[in-house]
């Protein structure tokens, strides 16, 4: 019993540190976006000057420069919930590095009662598993779809990722104890919160649906 509580305490501390890391990363991304918006007006004025002088070549050069600059501004997901934003954007950045496309439709218009730590643990572990499955495929086939919205008094979170291999009849692990611990952690949190989780596997895709009480 003592060792079980000690392990649980260490896991909680680790997740809290991870949450703070997520917050720092998303604030950095917000800062980049604010900086670009601040400079946007100056860019327009500069191009107006070139346009007034008929300097089409200069305008083209300026647009090329802005296009290159914009590609360096990371996409930011904004759900309306700070914790969800933090973990989603952190994982989005990692997915980009791994050449995994992300299609997200996420919106949380209400204040949740779900503890931030629990929400981040659920989202983070499910996305980690989805990215791992995608890495078994060539880059052009790597895709994760994320949908998050309120359905009545429940937060509905659906995640679907492409995956290699045959349709699964059980949802075990492929990378050993680490992944199993993550999935077990997700299941335990959903159960603790009085929510529901379902998983489904097709020939080339795997999906997870989570319902959490508001």
Protein backbone atom coordinates (compact mmCIF):
# COMPACT_ATOMS: atom_id res chain seq x y z
CA UNK A 1 0.00 0.00 0.00
CA UNK A 2 2.80 2.42 0.92
CA UNK A 3 4.65 1.81 -2.35
CA UNK A 4 1.45 2.17 -4.38
CA UNK A 5 0.83 5.60 -2.84
CA UNK A 6 4.47 6.58 -3.40
CA UNK A 7 4.27 5.65 -7.07
CA UNK A 8 0.96 7.49 -7.47
CA UNK A 9 2.50 10.57 -5.84
CA UNK A 10 5.48 10.47 -8.21
CA UNK A 11 3.19 10.10 -11.23
CA UNK A 12 1.11 13.08 -10.09
CA UNK A 13 4.19 15.25 -9.59
CA UNK A 14 5.48 14.29 -13.03
CA UNK A 15 2.15 15.17 -14.64
CA UNK A 16 2.08 18.53 -12.85
CA UNK A 17 5.57 19.36 -14.14
CA UNK A 18 4.48 18.31 -17.63
CA UNK A 19 1.43 20.55 -17.43
CA UNK A 20 3.60 23.56 -16.56
CA UNK A 21 5.82 22.71 -19.53
CA UNK A 22 2.77 22.66 -21.79
CA UNK A 23 1.69 26.07 -20.47
CA UNK A 24 5.13 27.55 -21.16
CA UNK A 25 5.16 26.19 -24.71
CA UNK A 26 1.73 27.50 -25.61
CA UNK A 27 2.52 30.94 -24.15
CA UNK A 28 5.60 31.04 -26.36
CA UNK A 29 3.47 30.28 -29.42
CA UNK A 30 0.94 32.94 -28.45
CA UNK A 31 3.82 35.42 -28.18
CA UNK A 32 4.96 34.63 -31.73
CA UNK A 33 1.44 35.15 -33.06
CA UNK A 34 1.02 38.46 -31.22
CA UNK A 35 4.34 39.67 -32.63
CA UNK A 36 3.35 38.82 -36.19
CA UNK A 37 -0.02 40.55 -35.85
CA UNK A 38 1.69 43.65 -34.45
CA UNK A 39 3.98 43.85 -37.50
CA UNK A 40 1.22 43.07 -39.99
CA UNK A 41 0.06 46.70 -40.27
CA UNK A 42 3.61 47.84 -41.02
CA UNK A 43 3.89 45.26 -43.79
CA UNK A 44 0.69 46.52 -45.42
CA UNK A 45 1.91 50.11 -45.33
CA UNK A 46 5.22 49.13 -46.93
CA UNK A 47 3.44 47.34 -49.79
CA UNK A 48 1.11 50.31 -50.31
CA UNK A 49 4.16 52.52 -50.87
CA UNK A 50 5.52 50.09 -53.46
CA UNK A 51 2.08 49.86 -55.11
CA UNK A 52 1.79 53.66 -55.36
CA UNK A 53 5.12 53.72 -57.22
CA UNK A 54 4.15 50.83 -59.48
CA UNK A 55 6.97 48.71 -58.11
CA UNK A 56 5.50 45.28 -58.82
CA UNK A 57 8.81 43.44 -58.51
CA UNK A 58 9.34 44.90 -55.04
CA UNK A 59 5.82 43.89 -54.01
CA UNK A 60 6.43 40.33 -55.23
CA UNK A 61 9.69 40.18 -53.30
CA UNK A 62 7.97 41.51 -50.16
CA UNK A 63 5.16 38.94 -50.45
CA UNK A 64 7.68 36.13 -50.84
CA UNK A 65 9.41 37.31 -47.69
CA UNK A 66 6.14 37.40 -45.75
CA UNK A 67 5.23 33.94 -47.02
CA UNK A 68 8.51 32.54 -45.72
CA UNK A 69 8.03 34.33 -42.41
CA UNK A 70 4.49 33.01 -42.01
CA UNK A 71 5.61 29.40 -42.45
CA UNK A 72 7.72 29.86 -39.32
CA UNK A 73 4.69 30.89 -37.25
CA UNK A 74 3.32 27.72 -35.70
CA UNK A 75 -0.39 26.96 -35.93
CA UNK A 76 -2.12 27.57 -32.63
CA UNK A 77 -5.23 25.68 -31.53
CA UNK A 78 -7.57 27.63 -29.27
CA UNK A 79 -10.35 25.65 -27.64
CA UNK A 80 -11.29 28.18 -24.98
CA UNK A 81 -9.79 26.00 -22.25
CA UNK A 82 -6.25 26.76 -21.06
CA UNK A 83 -5.32 23.19 -20.17
CA UNK A 84 -6.61 21.73 -23.45
CA UNK A 85 -4.82 24.47 -25.41
CA UNK A 86 -1.55 23.74 -23.65
CA UNK A 87 -1.42 20.02 -24.31
CA UNK A 88 -2.93 20.16 -27.81
CA UNK A 89 -0.48 22.77 -29.03
CA UNK A 90 2.47 21.00 -27.47
CA UNK A 91 1.52 17.76 -29.22
CA UNK A 92 0.72 19.62 -32.46
CA UNK A 93 4.29 20.91 -32.55
CA UNK A 94 5.65 17.42 -31.97
CA UNK A 95 3.40 15.96 -34.67
CA UNK A 96 4.76 18.52 -37.14
CA UNK A 97 8.30 17.41 -36.41
CA UNK A 98 7.24 13.82 -37.13
CA UNK A 99 5.50 14.74 -40.41
CA UNK A 100 2.06 13.86 -39.05
CA UNK A 101 -0.86 15.90 -40.38
CA UNK A 102 -3.36 17.11 -37.79
CA UNK A 103 -6.96 18.05 -38.57
CA UNK A 104 -8.60 19.55 -35.51
CA UNK A 105 -12.08 20.88 -34.78
CA UNK A 106 -12.10 21.79 -31.12
CA UNK A 107 -14.26 24.09 -29.00
CA UNK A 108 -14.90 24.20 -25.26
CA UNK A 109 -17.25 27.16 -24.65
CA UNK A 110 -17.95 26.38 -20.99
CA UNK A 111 -16.02 26.18 -17.74
CA UNK A 112 -15.23 22.53 -17.00
CA UNK A 113 -15.23 20.88 -13.62
CA UNK A 114 -12.71 18.31 -14.86
CA UNK A 115 -9.35 18.96 -13.13
CA UNK A 116 -6.80 20.40 -15.55
CA UNK A 117 -4.27 17.71 -14.67
CA UNK A 118 -6.74 14.93 -15.51
CA UNK A 119 -7.76 16.56 -18.79
CA UNK A 120 -4.14 16.97 -19.89
CA UNK A 121 -3.30 13.40 -18.92
CA UNK A 122 -6.15 12.02 -21.01
CA UNK A 123 -5.47 14.15 -24.09
CA UNK A 124 -1.69 13.80 -23.87
CA UNK A 125 -1.62 10.01 -23.53
CA UNK A 126 -4.15 9.45 -26.32
CA UNK A 127 -2.25 11.72 -28.69
CA UNK A 128 1.06 10.06 -27.82
CA UNK A 129 -0.41 6.66 -28.71
CA UNK A 130 -1.94 8.04 -31.92
CA UNK A 131 1.38 9.52 -33.01
CA UNK A 132 3.20 6.28 -32.29
CA UNK A 133 0.73 4.37 -34.48
CA UNK A 134 1.15 6.92 -37.27
CA UNK A 135 4.91 6.48 -37.24
CA UNK A 136 4.45 2.92 -38.51
CA UNK A 137 3.24 4.45 -41.80
CA UNK A 138 5.01 6.48 -44.51
CA UNK A 139 4.72 10.29 -44.01
CA UNK A 140 2.03 10.76 -46.67
CA UNK A 141 -0.33 8.43 -44.78
CA UNK A 142 0.15 9.85 -41.29
CA UNK A 143 -3.00 11.64 -40.13
CA UNK A 144 -4.72 12.40 -36.83
CA UNK A 145 -8.22 13.87 -36.59
CA UNK A 146 -9.27 15.56 -33.35
CA UNK A 147 -12.80 16.60 -32.48
CA UNK A 148 -13.77 18.21 -29.19
CA UNK A 149 -17.12 19.79 -28.33
CA UNK A 150 -19.76 19.93 -25.63
CA UNK A 151 -22.63 17.49 -26.04
CA UNK A 152 -25.22 18.43 -23.47
CA UNK A 153 -23.54 18.29 -20.08
CA UNK A 154 -20.62 16.21 -21.36
CA UNK A 155 -17.32 17.09 -22.98
CA UNK A 156 -17.00 14.88 -26.05
CA UNK A 157 -13.48 14.13 -27.26
CA UNK A 158 -12.89 11.97 -30.34
CA UNK A 159 -9.52 11.06 -31.79
CA UNK A 160 -8.91 9.02 -34.94
CA UNK A 161 -5.52 8.14 -36.37
CA UNK A 162 -4.31 6.18 -39.35
CA UNK A 163 -2.50 2.99 -38.44
CA UNK A 164 -0.75 0.09 -40.10
CA UNK A 165 -1.54 -3.59 -39.77
CA UNK A 166 -4.76 -5.51 -39.55
CA UNK A 167 -7.91 -4.67 -37.65
CA UNK A 168 -7.35 -5.19 -33.94
CA UNK A 169 -9.62 -7.40 -31.87
CA UNK A 170 -7.99 -6.31 -28.61
CA UNK A 171 -6.38 -3.07 -27.51
CA UNK A 172 -3.14 -4.09 -25.92
CA UNK A 173 0.27 -2.47 -26.18
CA UNK A 174 2.92 -2.50 -28.88
CA UNK A 175 5.76 -0.76 -27.13
CA UNK A 176 5.61 -2.45 -23.74
CA UNK A 177 4.86 -1.27 -20.24
CA UNK A 178 5.09 2.47 -20.94
CA UNK A 179 2.18 2.57 -23.34
CA UNK A 180 0.14 0.21 -21.20
CA UNK A 181 0.62 2.48 -18.21
CA UNK A 182 -0.60 5.45 -20.24
CA UNK A 183 -3.74 3.69 -21.44
CA UNK A 184 -4.47 2.33 -17.97
CA UNK A 185 -4.01 5.83 -16.56
CA UNK A 186 -6.52 7.23 -19.06
CA UNK A 187 -9.08 4.52 -18.28
CA UNK A 188 -8.67 5.06 -14.53
CA UNK A 189 -9.16 8.83 -14.79
CA UNK A 190 -12.24 8.52 -17.03
CA UNK A 191 -13.75 6.04 -14.59
CA UNK A 192 -12.92 8.26 -11.61
CA UNK A 193 -14.64 11.23 -13.25
CA UNK A 194 -17.76 9.22 -14.05
CA UNK A 195 -17.15 9.37 -17.79
CA UNK A 196 -17.14 6.85 -20.62
CA UNK A 197 -14.48 5.70 -23.08
CA UNK A 198 -14.83 3.53 -26.19
CA UNK A 199 -12.28 2.32 -28.70
CA UNK A 200 -12.71 0.95 -32.20
CA UNK A 201 -10.31 -0.43 -34.80
CA UNK A 202 -10.66 -0.64 -38.56
CA UNK A 203 -8.19 -1.95 -41.15
CA UNK A 204 -6.30 1.33 -41.47
CA UNK A 205 -7.53 3.47 -38.59
CA UNK A 206 -7.97 3.47 -34.85
CA UNK A 207 -10.40 5.70 -32.94
CA UNK A 208 -11.10 6.60 -29.34
CA UNK A 209 -14.13 8.44 -27.94
CA UNK A 210 -14.27 9.95 -24.48
CA UNK A 211 -17.25 11.51 -22.70
CA UNK A 212 -16.56 13.49 -19.52
CA UNK A 213 -19.19 15.15 -17.29
CA UNK A 214 -19.06 18.93 -17.38
